[in-house]
Amino acid sequence: MVPEWLRIGSRADLETGRVRRVIFGRQAVALFVWNGAVCAIGDECPHRGTSLAHGDVSDDGYVACSQHGWEYSLTTGCGRQAFEGRVPTFLVREHSGEIFIADRPARRDAVSNDAALPQTPDAMPTETTSVWNPDQYERFRHERSLPFFDLLSLVEKRPAMRVVDLGCGTGELTRRLHRTLGAQETLGIDNSETMLARSADVAGDGLRFDRDDIAKFPGDRGTFDVVFTNAALQWLPDHTTLFARLRTALAPGGQLAVQMPTNYDHPSHTVAADVAAEEPFRSALGGYVRADDVVLAPEAYASLLFKLGFARQHVRLQVYAHSLDDRTQVIEWVRGTLLTDYEKRLPSDLFASFLARYRERLLPQLEDTRPYFYPFKRVLMWAAL
């Protein structure tokens, strides 16, 4: 059956990273420029359904899943190891600087991008009405970093400080923390091996990273002049006990800086809980539903900080205004955060069904405007002993 060809953008769009992932129908496709050629493969890693679009590409043309490191060939879709299975590949055609992909996966024996192509340029499509080209990664990365800088601005710079960043991720922002404060020593802690693998590029000059569960902090690490944590503590329960433990990690005069999302009353979050309560997801999850009462009210944190002996404090609720291309991008936003809590608990095929049901229930509750305004509440706090 001859495929239809869908225009996804220009080669420049791919080379600059403006287009890394497209969705048409129910199919998500990751796009790469490797060895001078444009390659297109199914975007979901078979292991946990994690997006492959932003994985690292090896010199021999394999992309690594950012969650667990499974690798897939950009040309054949085959896993580097037999147990990793295979992802679909898609034929690609370049014409007059524009990139087109077939609307269905290639046959396993179709290895050439010249197979089953339209015979003339006039046969190539000229519109992209059925293709979504989100620029989500770079834009969301920028928008999610804004609270970090707002939180960092609250910290008082002092000489020769010892700093810890709980839930440091890749370490890119931890480096900014280290340099801005002029710290003598900064330790980044995260439990993701894949994330910390990337931190090696920024470590050094007093900045180092450890893989550990932040729920176990501080352990035997001693005290710090600054305990900093950006968008991490919302994953941990019992904040009264947690904050008391963080207090013990501070040296005299030490500072605590915390930012957490608290957008749990928005449909993007409430619908996820509703879907988790439906079958077959409820049984597969063992009745688990992500708690929406972990993050306390701002005034509760103010009282808690006072009871813990902090002499000065600043606590506020801030609404971040995000302008998304359309309402469907809310799904991509929470898929990288909230929905990971369900993704890690469900088989990949069932999570795909979960995601489809989530989309079905969420979109009617969101205003169909372009751009779509997505207000996101966060609590920021700083306190000093």
Protein backbone atom coordinates (compact mmCIF):
# COMPACT_ATOMS: atom_id res chain seq x y z
CA MET A 1 0.00 0.00 0.00
CA VAL A 2 1.54 3.34 -1.09
CA PRO A 3 1.96 5.72 1.86
CA GLU A 4 0.86 9.30 2.02
CA TRP A 5 3.65 11.79 2.58
CA LEU A 6 3.44 14.38 5.33
CA ARG A 7 5.57 17.53 5.39
CA ILE A 8 7.11 18.04 8.82
CA GLY A 9 9.32 21.07 8.25
CA SER A 10 12.65 22.01 6.79
CA ARG A 11 16.06 20.43 7.29
CA ALA A 12 17.02 23.60 9.17
CA ASP A 13 14.15 22.96 11.61
CA LEU A 14 15.62 19.54 12.39
CA GLU A 15 19.25 20.61 12.53
CA THR A 16 18.52 23.43 14.96
CA GLY A 17 16.26 21.26 17.12
CA ARG A 18 13.11 23.27 16.46
CA VAL A 19 11.43 20.05 15.35
CA ARG A 20 12.35 16.84 17.16
CA ARG A 21 9.02 15.08 17.47
CA VAL A 22 5.78 15.01 15.47
CA ILE A 23 2.42 13.44 16.11
CA PHE A 24 -0.15 12.43 13.51
CA GLY A 25 -3.20 10.44 14.49
CA ARG A 26 -2.10 8.19 17.36
CA GLN A 27 1.49 7.91 16.12
CA ALA A 28 4.39 9.83 17.68
CA VAL A 29 7.61 9.94 15.64
CA ALA A 30 11.08 11.03 16.78
CA LEU A 31 13.30 12.75 14.22
CA PHE A 32 17.09 12.86 14.01
CA VAL A 33 19.79 14.09 11.66
CA TRP A 34 22.56 11.50 11.78
CA ASN A 35 25.48 10.99 9.42
CA GLY A 36 23.97 13.61 7.10
CA ALA A 37 20.64 11.77 6.75
CA VAL A 38 17.24 12.40 8.31
CA CYS A 39 15.99 9.41 10.31
CA ALA A 40 12.50 8.83 11.72
CA ILE A 41 11.59 6.20 14.31
CA GLY A 42 8.69 5.53 16.67
CA ASP A 43 9.08 7.87 19.62
CA GLU A 44 8.16 5.53 22.47
CA CYS A 45 10.72 3.23 24.08
CA PRO A 46 9.13 -0.25 24.39
CA HIS A 47 10.34 -0.55 27.97
CA ARG A 48 8.32 2.20 29.66
CA GLY A 49 7.00 4.30 26.81
CA THR A 50 9.51 7.10 27.44
CA SER A 51 10.03 9.55 24.57
CA LEU A 52 13.19 8.89 22.54
CA ALA A 53 13.18 12.30 20.83
CA HIS A 54 15.67 13.90 23.23
CA GLY A 55 17.87 10.88 23.85
CA ASP A 56 21.60 10.97 23.17
CA VAL A 57 22.73 9.54 19.81
CA SER A 58 25.89 7.43 19.65
CA ASP A 59 28.49 7.66 16.91
CA ASP A 60 27.20 4.42 15.39
CA GLY A 61 23.63 5.70 15.11
CA TYR A 62 21.80 4.43 18.18
CA VAL A 63 19.56 6.66 20.32
CA ALA A 64 19.49 5.96 24.06
CA CYS A 65 16.27 6.20 26.06
CA SER A 66 16.80 8.89 28.71
CA GLN A 67 15.08 6.86 31.44
CA HIS A 68 16.84 3.49 31.43
CA GLY A 69 19.37 3.68 28.59
CA TRP A 70 17.83 1.20 26.15
CA GLU A 71 19.26 1.89 22.66
CA TYR A 72 17.65 1.72 19.21
CA SER A 73 19.12 1.99 15.72
CA LEU A 74 18.02 5.11 13.86
CA THR A 75 18.03 3.20 10.58
CA THR A 76 16.54 -0.21 11.45
CA GLY A 77 14.74 0.46 14.74
CA CYS A 78 16.33 -2.62 16.27
CA GLY A 79 17.52 -2.57 19.87
CA ARG A 80 21.24 -2.86 20.49
CA GLN A 81 20.46 -5.81 22.75
CA ALA A 82 18.00 -8.51 21.69
CA PHE A 83 15.81 -8.11 24.78
CA GLU A 84 15.21 -4.42 23.94
CA GLY A 85 13.04 -5.34 20.98
CA ARG A 86 12.37 -2.93 18.13
CA VAL A 87 10.71 0.40 17.41
CA PRO A 88 9.06 1.20 14.05
CA THR A 89 10.92 3.18 11.41
CA PHE A 90 9.43 5.57 8.88
CA LEU A 91 10.55 6.32 5.35
CA VAL A 92 11.83 9.86 4.84
CA ARG A 93 12.02 12.01 1.70
CA GLU A 94 13.74 15.37 1.29
CA HIS A 95 12.55 17.68 -1.50
CA SER A 96 13.61 21.32 -2.04
CA GLY A 97 14.88 21.58 1.53
CA GLU A 98 11.61 20.26 3.00
CA ILE A 99 11.35 16.99 4.90
CA PHE A 100 8.49 14.54 4.36
CA ILE A 101 7.77 11.29 6.21
CA ALA A 102 5.48 8.42 5.33
CA ASP A 103 2.24 8.28 7.26
CA ARG A 104 2.75 4.65 8.34
CA PRO A 105 5.70 2.56 9.58
CA ALA A 106 7.96 1.00 6.98
CA ARG A 107 7.91 -2.73 6.38
CA ARG A 108 10.73 -4.55 8.12
CA ASP A 109 12.31 -5.23 4.74
CA ALA A 110 11.96 -1.62 3.57
CA VAL A 111 15.35 -0.12 4.30
CA SER A 112 15.54 2.47 1.53
CA ASN A 113 14.00 5.90 1.72
CA ASP A 114 13.51 5.77 -2.04
CA ALA A 115 10.86 3.04 -1.86
CA ALA A 116 7.26 3.78 -2.81
CA LEU A 117 7.84 7.50 -3.26
CA PRO A 118 5.72 9.83 -5.38
CA GLN A 119 7.15 10.01 -8.89
CA THR A 120 7.05 13.79 -9.31
CA PRO A 121 7.50 16.80 -7.04
CA ASP A 122 3.91 17.81 -7.81
CA ALA A 123 2.75 14.68 -6.00
CA MET A 124 4.31 15.85 -2.75
CA PRO A 125 1.93 17.43 -0.24
CA THR A 126 2.29 21.13 0.46
CA GLU A 127 0.40 21.53 3.75
CA THR A 128 0.85 20.14 7.25
CA THR A 129 -2.76 20.10 8.37
CA SER A 130 -2.54 16.66 9.97
CA VAL A 131 0.85 17.05 11.65
CA TRP A 132 1.64 18.62 15.02
CA ASN A 133 5.19 19.96 15.29
CA PRO A 134 5.59 20.97 18.93
CA ASP A 135 8.54 23.07 20.00
CA GLN A 136 7.80 21.89 23.49
CA TYR A 137 11.16 20.77 24.74
CA GLU A 138 13.08 24.03 24.50
CA ARG A 139 10.11 26.21 25.48
CA PHE A 140 9.06 24.03 28.40
CA ARG A 141 12.62 23.73 29.54
CA HIS A 142 12.84 27.52 29.65
CA GLU A 143 9.51 27.97 31.42
CA ARG A 144 10.25 25.30 34.00
CA SER A 145 13.56 27.02 34.79
CA LEU A 146 11.88 30.33 35.68
CA PRO A 147 10.94 29.24 39.23
CA PHE A 148 14.53 28.10 39.76
CA PHE A 149 15.84 31.59 39.10
CA ASP A 150 13.10 33.17 41.22
CA LEU A 151 14.09 30.87 44.07
CA LEU A 152 17.81 31.48 43.57
CA SER A 153 17.21 35.24 43.81
CA LEU A 154 16.01 34.74 47.40
CA VAL A 155 19.24 33.12 48.60
CA GLU A 156 21.76 35.41 50.28
CA LYS A 157 25.28 35.12 48.93
CA ARG A 158 27.95 34.63 51.58
CA PRO A 159 31.63 33.70 51.38
CA ALA A 160 32.87 30.09 51.20
CA MET A 161 29.46 28.45 51.44
CA ARG A 162 28.74 24.73 51.41
CA VAL A 163 25.60 24.13 49.33
CA VAL A 164 23.44 21.12 48.50
CA ASP A 165 20.89 20.83 45.68
CA LEU A 166 18.30 18.11 46.34
CA GLY A 167 16.79 16.66 43.17
CA CYS A 168 19.44 18.22 40.94
CA GLY A 169 18.51 16.42 37.69
CA THR A 170 21.14 16.83 34.99
CA GLY A 171 23.08 19.34 37.08
CA GLU A 172 22.85 22.15 34.54
CA LEU A 173 20.94 24.43 36.92
CA THR A 174 23.04 23.22 39.85
CA ARG A 175 26.07 24.64 38.08
CA ARG A 176 24.24 27.98 37.82
CA LEU A 177 23.47 27.77 41.54
CA HIS A 178 27.12 27.02 42.34
CA ARG A 179 28.49 29.86 40.24
CA THR A 180 25.92 32.48 41.23
CA LEU A 181 26.50 31.90 44.93
CA GLY A 182 30.26 31.62 44.48
CA ALA A 183 30.08 28.52 46.67
CA GLN A 184 33.20 26.81 47.90
CA GLU A 185 31.49 23.43 47.56
CA THR A 186 28.18 22.38 46.01
CA LEU A 187 26.75 18.86 46.10
CA GLY A 188 23.95 17.81 43.75
CA ILE A 189 21.89 14.76 44.73
CA ASP A 190 19.45 12.86 42.51
CA ASN A 191 18.29 9.24 42.27
CA SER A 192 18.24 9.08 38.46
CA GLU A 193 21.32 7.40 37.05
CA THR A 194 20.56 8.68 33.56
CA MET A 195 20.22 12.26 34.72
CA LEU A 196 23.43 12.12 36.71
CA ALA A 197 25.31 10.63 33.77
CA ARG A 198 24.86 14.00 32.09
CA SER A 199 26.08 15.86 35.17
CA ALA A 200 29.63 14.73 34.44
CA ASP A 201 29.83 17.48 31.83
CA VAL A 202 29.33 20.22 34.43
CA ALA A 203 31.10 18.77 37.49
CA GLY A 204 34.35 20.19 38.79
CA ASP A 205 35.68 23.34 40.45
CA GLY A 206 33.97 22.48 43.72
CA LEU A 207 30.81 21.06 42.14
CA ARG A 208 30.12 17.33 42.46
CA PHE A 209 27.17 14.96 42.26
CA ASP A 210 25.97 11.88 44.12
CA ARG A 211 23.28 9.37 43.24
CA ASP A 212 21.03 8.88 46.25
CA ASP A 213 17.44 9.06 47.44
CA ILE A 214 16.77 12.58 48.70
CA ALA A 215 14.28 11.07 51.18
CA LYS A 216 17.35 9.78 53.06
CA PHE A 217 19.06 13.17 53.25
CA PRO A 218 21.13 14.30 55.10
CA GLY A 219 22.48 10.96 56.29
CA ASP A 220 26.13 11.36 57.29
CA ARG A 221 26.89 14.29 54.99
CA GLY A 222 27.22 16.87 57.76
CA THR A 223 25.74 20.36 57.62
CA PHE A 224 25.35 22.90 54.83
CA ASP A 225 25.08 26.66 54.60
CA VAL A 226 22.33 26.32 51.98
CA VAL A 227 19.85 23.51 51.40
CA PHE A 228 18.32 24.24 47.99
CA THR A 229 15.64 22.16 46.28
CA ASN A 230 13.69 23.08 43.17
CA ALA A 231 10.58 21.07 42.18
CA ALA A 232 11.54 17.90 44.05
CA LEU A 233 10.00 17.75 47.52
CA GLN A 234 6.46 17.36 46.14
CA TRP A 235 7.37 13.72 45.53
CA LEU A 236 7.98 13.11 49.25
CA PRO A 237 5.28 12.68 51.92
CA ASP A 238 4.85 14.12 55.42
CA HIS A 239 6.36 17.56 55.01
CA THR A 240 6.20 18.34 58.72
CA THR A 241 8.70 15.57 59.41
CA LEU A 242 10.63 16.22 56.19
CA PHE A 243 11.24 19.91 56.91
CA ALA A 244 12.32 19.09 60.46
CA ARG A 245 14.93 16.73 59.01
CA LEU A 246 16.11 19.38 56.52
CA ARG A 247 16.49 21.76 59.45
CA THR A 248 19.07 19.43 61.02
CA ALA A 249 21.20 19.67 57.85
CA LEU A 250 21.73 23.42 58.23
CA ALA A 251 24.76 24.99 59.83
CA PRO A 252 24.25 27.98 62.16
CA GLY A 253 22.81 30.85 60.11
CA GLY A 254 22.00 28.39 57.31
CA GLN A 255 19.41 28.99 54.61
CA LEU A 256 16.65 26.77 53.28
CA ALA A 257 15.24 27.44 49.78
CA VAL A 258 12.36 25.36 48.41
CA GLN A 259 10.12 25.52 45.33
CA MET A 260 7.29 23.09 44.65
CA PRO A 261 4.42 22.93 42.15
CA THR A 262 0.96 23.08 43.69
CA ASN A 263 -1.33 22.94 40.68
CA TYR A 264 -3.26 19.89 41.79
CA ASP A 265 -6.70 21.50 41.44
CA HIS A 266 -6.24 22.14 37.71
CA PRO A 267 -7.99 19.69 35.33
CA SER A 268 -4.55 18.62 34.04
CA HIS A 269 -4.04 17.02 37.45
CA THR A 270 -7.54 16.12 38.64
CA VAL A 271 -8.33 14.23 35.44
CA ALA A 272 -5.25 12.05 35.93
CA ALA A 273 -6.59 10.99 39.33
CA ASP A 274 -10.02 10.32 37.84
CA VAL A 275 -8.57 8.10 35.11
CA ALA A 276 -6.42 6.22 37.64
CA ALA A 277 -9.62 5.33 39.49
CA GLU A 278 -11.13 3.74 36.36
CA GLU A 279 -10.72 0.12 35.29
CA PRO A 280 -8.52 -1.45 34.08
CA PHE A 281 -6.08 1.10 35.46
CA ARG A 282 -7.33 0.91 39.05
CA SER A 283 -6.57 -2.81 39.30
CA ALA A 284 -3.21 -2.49 37.54
CA LEU A 285 -2.23 0.31 39.90
CA GLY A 286 -3.43 -1.59 42.96
CA GLY A 287 -5.77 1.27 43.78
CA TYR A 288 -2.93 3.82 43.76
CA VAL A 289 -3.85 7.43 43.01
CA ARG A 290 -1.31 10.22 43.16
CA ALA A 291 -2.00 12.16 46.38
CA ASP A 292 -3.02 15.78 45.92
CA ASP A 293 -2.46 16.87 49.52
CA VAL A 294 1.31 16.47 49.79
CA VAL A 295 2.12 20.14 49.26
CA LEU A 296 0.74 22.29 52.07
CA ALA A 297 -0.78 25.75 51.91
CA PRO A 298 1.76 28.62 51.96
CA GLU A 299 0.62 29.76 55.40
CA ALA A 300 1.15 26.23 56.74
CA TYR A 301 4.79 26.36 55.62
CA ALA A 302 5.18 29.79 57.21
CA SER A 303 3.95 28.39 60.53
CA LEU A 304 6.14 25.32 60.18
CA LEU A 305 9.26 27.36 59.49
CA PHE A 306 8.54 29.52 62.55
CA LYS A 307 8.12 26.45 64.77
CA LEU A 308 11.41 25.04 63.46
CA GLY A 309 13.26 28.11 64.70
CA PHE A 310 13.92 30.06 61.51
CA ALA A 311 14.53 33.71 62.36
CA ARG A 312 13.62 35.10 58.93
CA GLN A 313 11.43 33.77 56.15
CA HIS A 314 9.75 34.57 52.86
CA VAL A 315 6.90 32.34 51.66
CA ARG A 316 4.68 33.05 48.66
CA LEU A 317 2.31 31.46 46.20
CA GLN A 318 3.12 32.44 42.62
CA VAL A 319 1.15 31.78 39.45
CA TYR A 320 3.34 31.27 36.39
CA ALA A 321 1.63 32.23 33.14
CA HIS A 322 2.41 29.78 30.34
CA SER A 323 1.26 30.45 26.80
CA LEU A 324 1.11 27.13 24.94
CA ASP A 325 0.42 26.72 21.24
CA ASP A 326 -2.85 24.93 21.98
CA ARG A 327 -4.57 22.90 24.70
CA THR A 328 -3.09 19.57 23.56
CA GLN A 329 0.32 20.70 24.76
CA VAL A 330 -0.92 20.54 28.34
CA ILE A 331 -0.79 16.76 27.86
CA GLU A 332 2.86 16.95 26.80
CA TRP A 333 3.59 19.20 29.78
CA VAL A 334 2.21 16.84 32.43
CA ARG A 335 3.49 13.76 30.64
CA GLY A 336 6.99 14.88 31.58
CA THR A 337 6.05 15.40 35.24
CA LEU A 338 2.84 14.25 36.93
CA LEU A 339 2.04 11.37 34.57
CA THR A 340 5.46 9.79 35.10
CA ASP A 341 4.13 8.64 38.46
CA TYR A 342 1.59 6.47 36.63
CA GLU A 343 3.91 5.59 33.76
CA LYS A 344 6.41 3.90 36.05
CA ARG A 345 3.64 1.79 37.62
CA LEU A 346 1.95 0.57 34.43
CA PRO A 347 3.07 -1.70 31.58
CA SER A 348 3.86 0.34 28.47
CA ASP A 349 0.81 -0.85 26.52
CA LEU A 350 -1.54 -0.08 29.40
CA PHE A 351 0.04 3.32 29.97
CA ALA A 352 -0.61 4.11 26.30
CA SER A 353 -4.28 3.33 26.96
CA PHE A 354 -4.14 5.45 30.13
CA LEU A 355 -2.74 8.35 28.13
CA ALA A 356 -5.43 8.02 25.45
CA ARG A 357 -8.18 7.99 28.08
CA TYR A 358 -6.59 10.94 29.86
CA ARG A 359 -6.61 12.90 26.61
CA GLU A 360 -10.21 11.92 25.95
CA ARG A 361 -11.37 13.20 29.33
CA LEU A 362 -9.08 16.23 29.63
CA LEU A 363 -9.49 18.10 26.35
CA PRO A 364 -13.24 18.80 26.73
CA GLN A 365 -12.43 20.54 30.03
CA LEU A 366 -9.88 22.90 28.46
CA GLU A 367 -10.80 25.94 26.41
CA ASP A 368 -10.02 25.39 22.74
CA THR A 369 -7.98 28.54 22.12
CA ARG A 370 -4.73 29.28 20.32
CA PRO A 371 -2.59 30.08 22.15
CA TYR A 372 -3.80 28.25 25.24
CA PHE A 373 -3.20 29.97 28.57
CA TYR A 374 -1.98 27.49 31.17
CA PRO A 375 -1.74 29.01 34.68
CA PHE A 376 0.55 27.02 36.95
CA LYS A 377 0.75 27.63 40.71
CA ARG A 378 3.93 27.12 42.69
CA VAL A 379 4.95 27.79 46.27
CA LEU A 380 8.35 29.36 46.86
CA MET A 381 9.97 29.74 50.25
CA TRP A 382 13.22 30.88 51.77
CA ALA A 383 14.17 30.89 55.43
CA ALA A 384 17.31 31.56 57.45
CA LEU A 385 18.31 30.52 60.96
